[in-house]
Amino acid sequence: MLANTSQTDPRSSIETPSGKDQDDENFPVASIILGERFRSHVKCFYDFARAADDIADNPDLTAVQKIARLNLFENTLLGQPDAPHLEKPVRLRDSLALTGVTPKHASDILEAFRTDARKSRYATWRDLLDYCELSANPVGRYLLDLHGEDPDGYAASDALCTVLQVLNHLQDCGDDRKALDRVYIPLDWMEAEGANLAMLDEGRLDPAMRRVVDRMLDACNRLLAAANTLPNSLVDTRLAINSATIVCLAKRLSRRLRHGDPLAERVALTKVDFAVCIVKGVVYGLTRARPDRARERPGR
């Protein structure tokens, strides 16, 4: 049952849209780089995840209410008896049926958002990686499955998606603390560097917190070394170009965070960053040695 949502039809009040869309993202997944036949499916996945994320981030809902709504999303996605007819989960369910992609990736993302409703601190880097395993990595795995790519590419894709998630956490570390009292920074690394949670409220990076941020960026750079192998492992040229572009953007954002202060100002990619990385991605994709294999794409 949906707890404390509305006296009217609960279906009308389950979603709590924030107004954000793909234009607000650093790395829009429904990129025009992807093949046209895939874009509508990718948009269904994105819209589903965006709607669920808006529920998890709504400061006016209790943890119990958030989890109840996310459970209804999953029940609808999986076609459970008596599940409400919610637009975005239904659209994604239909899309998955057409493409043959498993609903597990979407279910994993819902579990990450349920985690957000229950948990606001991460004791170790390992704990944060486990969260990214649910919140970020399913996006890359979904794209690989949609394009019929080899699951062997999951490891490199996971590394890239985790980096994107951590970089986004660093960009928003001040806002997450202020608006939701969430901190996606390992507490043991903060303690080791002499930092504390109150430093996130100061409006600038204290030297101790700067060291913690740099330590996280060092860890991201190690993951990016693994992510570098992803584009050349992909059969689909457009997906390879998209992946190479995103790897490039992740490296640029990491450098900007290394030299910027996300507490003092918004550290973000520029239009020049996007243009340069798109060009590099296209050149890479058109000149690379394609993998000597091909798999039948699901639902095609």
Protein backbone atom coordinates (compact mmCIF):
# COMPACT_ATOMS: atom_id res chain seq x y z
CA MET A 1 0.00 0.00 0.00
CA LEU A 2 1.09 3.55 -0.69
CA ALA A 3 1.44 5.39 2.61
CA ASN A 4 0.14 8.95 3.13
CA THR A 5 0.15 10.12 -0.48
CA SER A 6 -3.26 11.49 -1.33
CA GLN A 7 -6.94 11.20 -0.56
CA THR A 8 -7.56 10.87 -4.29
CA ASP A 9 -6.26 8.31 -6.77
CA PRO A 10 -2.74 7.50 -5.48
CA ARG A 11 -1.48 7.03 -9.01
CA SER A 12 -1.73 10.79 -9.56
CA SER A 13 0.63 11.57 -6.69
CA ILE A 14 3.26 8.84 -6.81
CA GLU A 15 5.73 10.71 -9.01
CA THR A 16 7.28 13.94 -7.76
CA PRO A 17 8.97 15.45 -10.81
CA SER A 18 11.83 17.84 -10.11
CA GLY A 19 11.78 19.41 -13.56
CA LYS A 20 15.20 18.02 -14.41
CA ASP A 21 15.76 16.34 -17.75
CA GLN A 22 18.67 15.12 -19.84
CA ASP A 23 19.83 18.67 -20.49
CA ASP A 24 20.68 18.89 -16.77
CA GLU A 25 22.98 15.87 -16.88
CA ASN A 26 26.76 15.85 -17.36
CA PHE A 27 26.68 12.76 -19.54
CA PRO A 28 23.28 12.47 -21.26
CA VAL A 29 22.67 8.81 -21.98
CA ALA A 30 20.17 9.25 -24.82
CA SER A 31 22.85 10.94 -26.89
CA ILE A 32 22.21 11.61 -30.56
CA ILE A 33 25.43 9.70 -31.13
CA LEU A 34 23.60 6.44 -30.45
CA GLY A 35 21.79 4.69 -33.27
CA GLU A 36 18.32 6.08 -33.94
CA ARG A 37 16.64 2.71 -33.39
CA PHE A 38 17.98 2.66 -29.82
CA ARG A 39 17.21 6.21 -28.72
CA SER A 40 13.54 5.77 -27.84
CA HIS A 41 14.40 2.77 -25.66
CA VAL A 42 17.22 4.63 -23.95
CA LYS A 43 14.86 7.53 -23.27
CA CYS A 44 12.38 5.15 -21.65
CA PHE A 45 15.13 3.91 -19.34
CA TYR A 46 16.31 7.43 -18.58
CA ASP A 47 12.79 8.74 -17.88
CA PHE A 48 12.13 5.83 -15.54
CA ALA A 49 15.36 6.41 -13.61
CA ARG A 50 14.79 10.19 -13.50
CA ALA A 51 11.30 9.76 -12.09
CA ALA A 52 12.51 7.31 -9.43
CA ASP A 53 15.42 9.59 -8.55
CA ASP A 54 13.03 12.51 -8.07
CA ILE A 55 11.09 10.44 -5.54
CA ALA A 56 14.27 9.53 -3.64
CA ASP A 57 15.41 13.18 -3.59
CA ASN A 58 12.09 14.71 -2.56
CA PRO A 59 12.70 16.43 0.81
CA ASP A 60 8.97 16.53 1.55
CA LEU A 61 8.60 12.73 1.66
CA THR A 62 9.52 10.49 4.55
CA ALA A 63 11.77 7.47 4.02
CA VAL A 64 8.74 5.19 4.37
CA GLN A 65 6.81 7.13 1.71
CA LYS A 66 9.77 7.11 -0.68
CA ILE A 67 10.28 3.37 -0.35
CA ALA A 68 6.54 2.71 -0.80
CA ARG A 69 6.49 4.69 -4.05
CA LEU A 70 9.65 3.05 -5.35
CA ASN A 71 8.14 -0.35 -4.57
CA LEU A 72 5.11 0.57 -6.66
CA PHE A 73 7.45 1.51 -9.50
CA GLU A 74 9.04 -1.93 -9.30
CA ASN A 75 5.72 -3.75 -9.02
CA THR A 76 4.51 -2.00 -12.16
CA LEU A 77 7.80 -2.61 -13.98
CA LEU A 78 7.59 -6.33 -13.22
CA GLY A 79 3.89 -6.58 -14.02
CA GLN A 80 2.88 -7.66 -10.55
CA PRO A 81 -0.84 -8.33 -9.96
CA ASP A 82 -2.78 -5.27 -8.79
CA ALA A 83 0.19 -2.97 -9.53
CA PRO A 84 -0.86 0.57 -10.50
CA HIS A 85 -0.61 1.61 -14.13
CA LEU A 86 2.26 4.09 -13.81
CA GLU A 87 3.30 5.68 -17.09
CA LYS A 88 7.08 5.52 -16.92
CA PRO A 89 7.38 2.00 -15.48
CA VAL A 90 4.83 0.75 -18.02
CA ARG A 91 6.69 2.39 -20.91
CA LEU A 92 9.96 0.85 -19.77
CA ARG A 93 8.31 -2.55 -19.26
CA ASP A 94 7.01 -2.42 -22.84
CA SER A 95 10.43 -1.33 -24.10
CA LEU A 96 12.18 -4.18 -22.30
CA ALA A 97 9.69 -6.65 -23.76
CA LEU A 98 10.47 -5.40 -27.26
CA THR A 99 14.25 -5.47 -26.86
CA GLY A 100 14.63 -8.55 -24.67
CA VAL A 101 16.73 -6.65 -22.11
CA THR A 102 16.38 -7.85 -18.53
CA PRO A 103 14.49 -5.66 -16.03
CA LYS A 104 17.27 -6.35 -13.48
CA HIS A 105 19.16 -3.18 -14.37
CA ALA A 106 16.10 -1.02 -13.66
CA SER A 107 15.36 -2.97 -10.48
CA ASP A 108 18.92 -2.43 -9.29
CA ILE A 109 18.55 1.32 -9.75
CA LEU A 110 15.36 1.27 -7.69
CA GLU A 111 17.25 -0.53 -4.93
CA ALA A 112 19.87 2.23 -5.00
CA PHE A 113 17.14 4.83 -4.51
CA ARG A 114 15.67 2.82 -1.66
CA THR A 115 19.16 2.89 -0.18
CA ASP A 116 19.14 6.69 -0.50
CA ALA A 117 15.91 6.75 1.49
CA ARG A 118 17.46 4.69 4.30
CA LYS A 119 21.10 5.73 4.31
CA SER A 120 22.97 9.03 4.17
CA ARG A 121 26.57 8.13 5.05
CA TYR A 122 29.22 5.78 3.62
CA ALA A 123 31.84 4.47 6.00
CA THR A 124 34.44 3.40 3.41
CA TRP A 125 35.32 3.68 -0.26
CA ARG A 126 34.20 0.05 -0.62
CA ASP A 127 30.77 1.00 0.73
CA LEU A 128 30.54 3.79 -1.84
CA LEU A 129 31.54 1.41 -4.64
CA ASP A 130 28.82 -1.00 -3.53
CA TYR A 131 26.30 1.83 -3.78
CA CYS A 132 27.54 2.71 -7.29
CA GLU A 133 27.11 -0.96 -8.24
CA LEU A 134 23.38 -0.33 -7.92
CA SER A 135 23.02 3.37 -8.70
CA ALA A 136 25.32 3.80 -11.71
CA ASN A 137 26.64 0.56 -13.16
CA PRO A 138 23.22 -0.74 -14.30
CA VAL A 139 23.01 2.16 -16.79
CA GLY A 140 26.09 1.00 -18.66
CA ARG A 141 25.05 -2.62 -18.48
CA TYR A 142 21.65 -1.73 -19.89
CA LEU A 143 23.28 0.05 -22.84
CA LEU A 144 25.55 -2.91 -23.53
CA ASP A 145 22.65 -5.35 -23.42
CA LEU A 146 20.46 -3.11 -25.58
CA HIS A 147 23.17 -3.05 -28.24
CA GLY A 148 23.78 -6.81 -28.01
CA GLU A 149 27.33 -6.36 -26.75
CA ASP A 150 29.36 -9.01 -24.96
CA PRO A 151 28.81 -9.08 -21.17
CA ASP A 152 32.60 -9.30 -20.88
CA GLY A 153 32.44 -5.53 -21.32
CA TYR A 154 30.61 -5.11 -18.03
CA ALA A 155 33.81 -4.64 -15.98
CA ALA A 156 35.08 -1.70 -18.04
CA SER A 157 31.58 -0.24 -18.26
CA ASP A 158 31.17 -0.54 -14.48
CA ALA A 159 34.44 1.30 -13.95
CA LEU A 160 33.30 4.18 -16.17
CA CYS A 161 29.82 4.42 -14.65
CA THR A 162 31.22 4.39 -11.12
CA VAL A 163 33.57 7.24 -12.00
CA LEU A 164 30.71 9.27 -13.44
CA GLN A 165 28.69 8.73 -10.28
CA VAL A 166 31.53 9.68 -7.93
CA LEU A 167 32.39 12.78 -9.96
CA ASN A 168 28.75 13.83 -9.79
CA HIS A 169 28.78 13.29 -6.02
CA LEU A 170 31.83 15.52 -5.73
CA GLN A 171 30.22 18.22 -7.87
CA ASP A 172 27.15 18.19 -5.63
CA CYS A 173 28.77 17.47 -2.27
CA GLY A 174 27.73 20.80 -0.79
CA ASP A 175 24.17 20.74 -2.16
CA ASP A 176 23.64 17.10 -1.14
CA ARG A 177 24.69 17.94 2.40
CA LYS A 178 22.55 21.07 2.58
CA ALA A 179 19.37 19.84 0.90
CA LEU A 180 19.27 16.16 1.90
CA ASP A 181 21.97 15.72 4.55
CA ARG A 182 23.56 13.08 2.32
CA VAL A 183 27.32 12.64 2.20
CA TYR A 184 28.83 10.40 -0.47
CA ILE A 185 32.37 10.82 0.84
CA PRO A 186 34.03 7.93 2.73
CA LEU A 187 34.02 8.73 6.42
CA ASP A 188 37.22 6.79 7.10
CA TRP A 189 39.09 8.84 4.49
CA MET A 190 37.78 12.01 6.10
CA GLU A 191 38.99 10.85 9.48
CA ALA A 192 42.39 9.86 8.08
CA GLU A 193 42.87 13.34 6.57
CA GLY A 194 41.61 15.23 9.63
CA ALA A 195 38.38 16.32 7.96
CA ASN A 196 34.85 16.29 9.35
CA LEU A 197 31.29 16.69 8.12
CA ALA A 198 31.00 20.28 9.33
CA MET A 199 33.63 21.28 6.75
CA LEU A 200 31.05 20.63 4.03
CA ASP A 201 29.05 23.55 5.41
CA GLU A 202 31.84 26.12 5.17
CA GLY A 203 31.35 27.20 1.56
CA ARG A 204 34.91 26.29 0.55
CA LEU A 205 37.21 23.29 0.72
CA ASP A 206 39.28 23.21 3.88
CA PRO A 207 42.82 21.85 3.18
CA ALA A 208 41.88 18.61 4.94
CA MET A 209 38.73 18.19 2.84
CA ARG A 210 40.73 19.09 -0.26
CA ARG A 211 42.97 16.11 0.47
CA VAL A 212 39.92 13.85 0.77
CA VAL A 213 38.54 15.08 -2.56
CA ASP A 214 41.92 14.53 -4.22
CA ARG A 215 42.08 11.04 -2.76
CA MET A 216 38.70 10.28 -4.33
CA LEU A 217 39.87 11.70 -7.65
CA ASP A 218 42.98 9.50 -7.46
CA ALA A 219 40.72 6.49 -7.03
CA CYS A 220 38.59 7.65 -9.97
CA ASN A 221 41.68 7.92 -12.16
CA ARG A 222 42.55 4.31 -11.36
CA LEU A 223 39.07 3.28 -12.45
CA LEU A 224 39.39 5.34 -15.62
CA ALA A 225 42.42 3.26 -16.57
CA ALA A 226 40.09 0.25 -16.69
CA ALA A 227 37.35 2.24 -18.43
CA ASN A 228 39.78 3.14 -21.24
CA THR A 229 39.41 -0.38 -22.62
CA LEU A 230 35.66 -0.11 -23.10
CA PRO A 231 35.30 1.75 -26.42
CA ASN A 232 37.55 -0.58 -28.39
CA SER A 233 35.80 -3.67 -27.03
CA LEU A 234 32.45 -2.66 -28.50
CA VAL A 235 31.08 -3.94 -31.80
CA ASP A 236 28.59 -1.11 -32.37
CA THR A 237 30.53 1.86 -33.75
CA ARG A 238 28.09 4.49 -32.49
CA LEU A 239 28.17 3.04 -28.99
CA ALA A 240 31.97 2.99 -29.16
CA ILE A 241 32.01 6.67 -30.18
CA ASN A 242 29.60 7.51 -27.36
CA SER A 243 31.72 5.60 -24.85
CA ALA A 244 34.96 7.21 -26.02
CA THR A 245 33.32 10.64 -25.76
CA ILE A 246 32.16 9.97 -22.20
CA VAL A 247 35.58 8.66 -21.14
CA CYS A 248 37.07 11.90 -22.45
CA LEU A 249 34.47 14.01 -20.62
CA ALA A 250 35.05 12.11 -17.38
CA LYS A 251 38.78 12.79 -17.56
CA ARG A 252 38.15 16.50 -18.17
CA LEU A 253 35.68 16.78 -15.31
CA SER A 254 38.12 14.99 -13.00
CA ARG A 255 40.80 17.54 -13.88
CA ARG A 256 38.39 20.43 -13.33
CA LEU A 257 37.49 19.08 -9.90
CA ARG A 258 41.19 18.68 -9.11
CA HIS A 259 41.74 22.38 -9.65
CA GLY A 260 38.31 23.69 -8.63
CA ASP A 261 36.37 23.98 -5.41
CA PRO A 262 32.91 22.36 -5.61
CA LEU A 263 31.87 23.94 -2.31
CA ALA A 264 32.66 27.45 -3.51
CA GLU A 265 31.26 27.21 -7.03
CA ARG A 266 29.73 24.85 -9.51
CA VAL A 267 32.56 22.89 -11.14
CA ALA A 268 31.17 21.80 -14.49
CA LEU A 269 32.08 20.90 -18.03
CA THR A 270 31.95 23.63 -20.66
CA LYS A 271 30.60 23.65 -24.20
CA VAL A 272 34.21 23.52 -25.37
CA ASP A 273 34.77 20.37 -23.29
CA PHE A 274 31.78 18.73 -24.93
CA ALA A 275 32.81 19.80 -28.44
CA VAL A 276 36.41 18.62 -28.04
CA CYS A 277 35.41 15.26 -26.58
CA ILE A 278 32.76 14.62 -29.23
CA VAL A 279 35.30 15.26 -31.97
CA LYS A 280 37.83 13.00 -30.27
CA GLY A 281 35.17 10.32 -29.84
CA VAL A 282 34.14 10.44 -33.48
CA VAL A 283 37.72 10.31 -34.71
CA TYR A 284 38.46 7.42 -32.39
CA GLY A 285 35.35 5.50 -33.38
CA LEU A 286 35.94 5.87 -37.10
CA THR A 287 39.61 4.89 -36.98
CA ARG A 288 39.61 2.12 -34.37
CA ALA A 289 40.12 -1.53 -35.11
CA ARG A 290 36.68 -3.09 -34.67
CA PRO A 291 36.47 -6.24 -32.54
CA ASP A 292 36.45 -9.35 -34.70
CA ARG A 293 33.08 -10.56 -33.51
CA ALA A 294 29.42 -9.71 -33.65
CA ARG A 295 26.39 -10.80 -31.66
CA GLU A 296 22.71 -10.75 -32.51
CA ARG A 297 21.05 -7.80 -30.88
CA PRO A 298 18.10 -8.72 -28.64
CA GLY A 299 14.68 -8.05 -30.06
CA ARG A 300 16.04 -7.36 -33.54
